[in-house]
Amino acid sequence: MIKVSVMCPNSEGSTFDMAYYCSRHMPLIREKLGAALKGSAVDQGIGGPEPGSPAPYLAIGHLLFESVEAFQASFGPHAQAILSDIPNYTNTQPTIQISEVKM
């Protein structure tokens, strides 16, 4: 199992529309990726490591797939539609990480 994490950094002037992300973008993801998508989650950053410090990320979206190949095969044909939706919910440049789930 692999996890694709899409992390939107929190910096001066960053914006993120959580309502849009949850009600419009994530349903778009589920529709486009279909059965290849095995699960998803959305985290909203609320704080950093020090008391009162800001979260390093405004939000993180997590997508689960059986393999990197399954992710690539499902995402590739829909990349343009998915990526072109980013400006509708954030003015940041998301960072992507693909991880192997161990537990």
C-alpha atoms as a PDB file:
ATOM      1  CA  MET A   1       0.000   0.000   0.000  1.00  0.00           C
ATOM      2  CA  ILE A   2       1.245   3.497  -0.803  1.00  0.00           C
ATOM      3  CA  LYS A   3       0.101   6.905   0.375  1.00  0.00           C
ATOM      4  CA  VAL A   4       0.260  10.049  -1.748  1.00  0.00           C
ATOM      5  CA  SER A   5       0.350  13.103   0.508  1.00  0.00           C
ATOM      6  CA  VAL A   6      -0.391  16.543  -0.936  1.00  0.00           C
ATOM      7  CA  MET A   7       0.850  19.193   1.506  1.00  0.00           C
ATOM      8  CA  CYS A   8      -0.062  22.877   1.179  1.00  0.00           C
ATOM      9  CA  PRO A   9       2.582  24.969   2.958  1.00  0.00           C
ATOM     10  CA  ASN A  10       1.617  27.660   5.439  1.00  0.00           C
ATOM     11  CA  SER A  11       3.543  30.845   4.722  1.00  0.00           C
ATOM     12  CA  GLU A  12       2.893  34.583   4.786  1.00  0.00           C
ATOM     13  CA  GLY A  13      -0.110  35.326   2.583  1.00  0.00           C
ATOM     14  CA  SER A  14      -1.055  31.655   2.047  1.00  0.00           C
ATOM     15  CA  THR A  15      -4.735  30.868   1.659  1.00  0.00           C
ATOM     16  CA  PHE A  16      -6.668  27.616   1.703  1.00  0.00           C
ATOM     17  CA  ASP A  17     -10.417  27.071   1.256  1.00  0.00           C
ATOM     18  CA  MET A  18     -11.111  23.932   3.310  1.00  0.00           C
ATOM     19  CA  ALA A  19     -14.832  23.941   2.487  1.00  0.00           C
ATOM     20  CA  TYR A  20     -14.102  23.885  -1.257  1.00  0.00           C
ATOM     21  CA  TYR A  21     -11.370  21.265  -0.841  1.00  0.00           C
ATOM     22  CA  CYS A  22     -13.632  18.878   1.071  1.00  0.00           C
ATOM     23  CA  SER A  23     -16.864  19.460  -0.849  1.00  0.00           C
ATOM     24  CA  ARG A  24     -15.553  19.893  -4.410  1.00  0.00           C
ATOM     25  CA  HIS A  25     -11.904  18.885  -4.876  1.00  0.00           C
ATOM     26  CA  MET A  26     -11.916  15.595  -2.964  1.00  0.00           C
ATOM     27  CA  PRO A  27     -15.105  14.406  -4.726  1.00  0.00           C
ATOM     28  CA  LEU A  28     -13.395  15.285  -8.028  1.00  0.00           C
ATOM     29  CA  ILE A  29     -10.405  13.163  -6.974  1.00  0.00           C
ATOM     30  CA  ARG A  30     -12.645  10.225  -6.031  1.00  0.00           C
ATOM     31  CA  GLU A  31     -14.555  10.479  -9.310  1.00  0.00           C
ATOM     32  CA  LYS A  32     -11.451  10.667 -11.508  1.00  0.00           C
ATOM     33  CA  LEU A  33      -9.326   8.039  -9.733  1.00  0.00           C
ATOM     34  CA  GLY A  34     -12.166   5.559  -9.313  1.00  0.00           C
ATOM     35  CA  ALA A  35     -11.553   2.112  -7.868  1.00  0.00           C
ATOM     36  CA  ALA A  36      -7.767   2.636  -7.845  1.00  0.00           C
ATOM     37  CA  LEU A  37      -8.248   5.007  -4.884  1.00  0.00           C
ATOM     38  CA  LYS A  38      -8.463   2.798  -1.801  1.00  0.00           C
ATOM     39  CA  GLY A  39      -8.950   5.548   0.773  1.00  0.00           C
ATOM     40  CA  SER A  40      -8.488   9.227   1.500  1.00  0.00           C
ATOM     41  CA  ALA A  41      -8.183  11.650   4.392  1.00  0.00           C
ATOM     42  CA  VAL A  42      -7.841  15.393   4.837  1.00  0.00           C
ATOM     43  CA  ASP A  43      -5.907  17.044   7.681  1.00  0.00           C
ATOM     44  CA  GLN A  44      -6.219  20.736   8.571  1.00  0.00           C
ATOM     45  CA  GLY A  45      -3.112  22.203  10.191  1.00  0.00           C
ATOM     46  CA  ILE A  46      -3.799  23.762  13.578  1.00  0.00           C
ATOM     47  CA  GLY A  47      -0.353  24.229  15.142  1.00  0.00           C
ATOM     48  CA  GLY A  48       3.358  23.642  14.989  1.00  0.00           C
ATOM     49  CA  PRO A  49       5.808  21.936  17.333  1.00  0.00           C
ATOM     50  CA  GLU A  50       6.061  24.872  19.765  1.00  0.00           C
ATOM     51  CA  PRO A  51       3.024  26.053  21.750  1.00  0.00           C
ATOM     52  CA  GLY A  52       1.275  28.777  19.786  1.00  0.00           C
ATOM     53  CA  SER A  53       3.393  28.308  16.663  1.00  0.00           C
ATOM     54  CA  PRO A  54       1.674  28.052  13.280  1.00  0.00           C
ATOM     55  CA  ALA A  55       1.225  24.738  11.509  1.00  0.00           C
ATOM     56  CA  PRO A  56       3.840  24.141   8.795  1.00  0.00           C
ATOM     57  CA  TYR A  57       1.026  23.095   6.429  1.00  0.00           C
ATOM     58  CA  LEU A  58      -2.427  24.640   5.979  1.00  0.00           C
ATOM     59  CA  ALA A  59      -3.774  21.256   4.914  1.00  0.00           C
ATOM     60  CA  ILE A  60      -2.620  17.807   3.875  1.00  0.00           C
ATOM     61  CA  GLY A  61      -4.598  15.477   1.651  1.00  0.00           C
ATOM     62  CA  HIS A  62      -3.803  11.758   1.771  1.00  0.00           C
ATOM     63  CA  LEU A  63      -4.657   9.254  -0.962  1.00  0.00           C
ATOM     64  CA  LEU A  64      -4.158   5.485  -0.626  1.00  0.00           C
ATOM     65  CA  PHE A  65      -3.375   3.128  -3.515  1.00  0.00           C
ATOM     66  CA  GLU A  66      -2.241  -0.492  -3.831  1.00  0.00           C
ATOM     67  CA  SER A  67       0.956   0.567  -5.652  1.00  0.00           C
ATOM     68  CA  VAL A  68       2.797   3.448  -7.280  1.00  0.00           C
ATOM     69  CA  GLU A  69       1.792   1.967 -10.626  1.00  0.00           C
ATOM     70  CA  ALA A  70      -1.896   2.014  -9.658  1.00  0.00           C
ATOM     71  CA  PHE A  71      -1.571   5.671  -8.646  1.00  0.00           C
ATOM     72  CA  GLN A  72       0.219   6.627 -11.868  1.00  0.00           C
ATOM     73  CA  ALA A  73      -2.217   4.725 -14.096  1.00  0.00           C
ATOM     74  CA  SER A  74      -5.269   6.344 -12.470  1.00  0.00           C
ATOM     75  CA  PHE A  75      -3.844   9.854 -12.048  1.00  0.00           C
ATOM     76  CA  GLY A  76      -2.102  10.271 -15.415  1.00  0.00           C
ATOM     77  CA  PRO A  77      -5.189  10.480 -17.639  1.00  0.00           C
ATOM     78  CA  HIS A  78      -6.826  12.998 -15.269  1.00  0.00           C
ATOM     79  CA  ALA A  79      -3.790  15.032 -14.199  1.00  0.00           C
ATOM     80  CA  GLN A  80      -4.831  18.162 -16.081  1.00  0.00           C
ATOM     81  CA  ALA A  81      -8.357  18.229 -14.618  1.00  0.00           C
ATOM     82  CA  ILE A  82      -7.094  17.596 -11.082  1.00  0.00           C
ATOM     83  CA  LEU A  83      -4.155  20.012 -11.189  1.00  0.00           C
ATOM     84  CA  SER A  84      -6.150  22.797 -12.840  1.00  0.00           C
ATOM     85  CA  ASP A  85      -8.498  22.777  -9.826  1.00  0.00           C
ATOM     86  CA  ILE A  86      -5.714  23.748  -7.373  1.00  0.00           C
ATOM     87  CA  PRO A  87      -6.153  27.548  -7.777  1.00  0.00           C
ATOM     88  CA  ASN A  88      -9.798  27.123  -6.725  1.00  0.00           C
ATOM     89  CA  TYR A  89      -8.774  26.268  -3.149  1.00  0.00           C
ATOM     90  CA  THR A  90      -5.239  27.544  -2.524  1.00  0.00           C
ATOM     91  CA  ASN A  91      -2.663  30.063  -3.680  1.00  0.00           C
ATOM     92  CA  THR A  92       0.193  27.796  -2.559  1.00  0.00           C
ATOM     93  CA  GLN A  93       2.314  25.354  -4.533  1.00  0.00           C
ATOM     94  CA  PRO A  94       1.562  21.961  -2.926  1.00  0.00           C
ATOM     95  CA  THR A  95       4.385  19.555  -2.110  1.00  0.00           C
ATOM     96  CA  ILE A  96       3.801  15.902  -3.017  1.00  0.00           C
ATOM     97  CA  GLN A  97       5.247  12.902  -1.217  1.00  0.00           C
ATOM     98  CA  ILE A  98       4.709   9.243  -2.049  1.00  0.00           C
ATOM     99  CA  SER A  99       5.253   6.935   0.909  1.00  0.00           C
ATOM    100  CA  GLU A 100       5.099   3.225   1.482  1.00  0.00           C
ATOM    101  CA  VAL A 101       2.623   2.503   4.295  1.00  0.00           C
ATOM    102  CA  LYS A 102       4.239   0.231   6.873  1.00  0.00           C
ATOM    103  CA  MET A 103       1.511   0.061   9.528  1.00  0.00           C
END
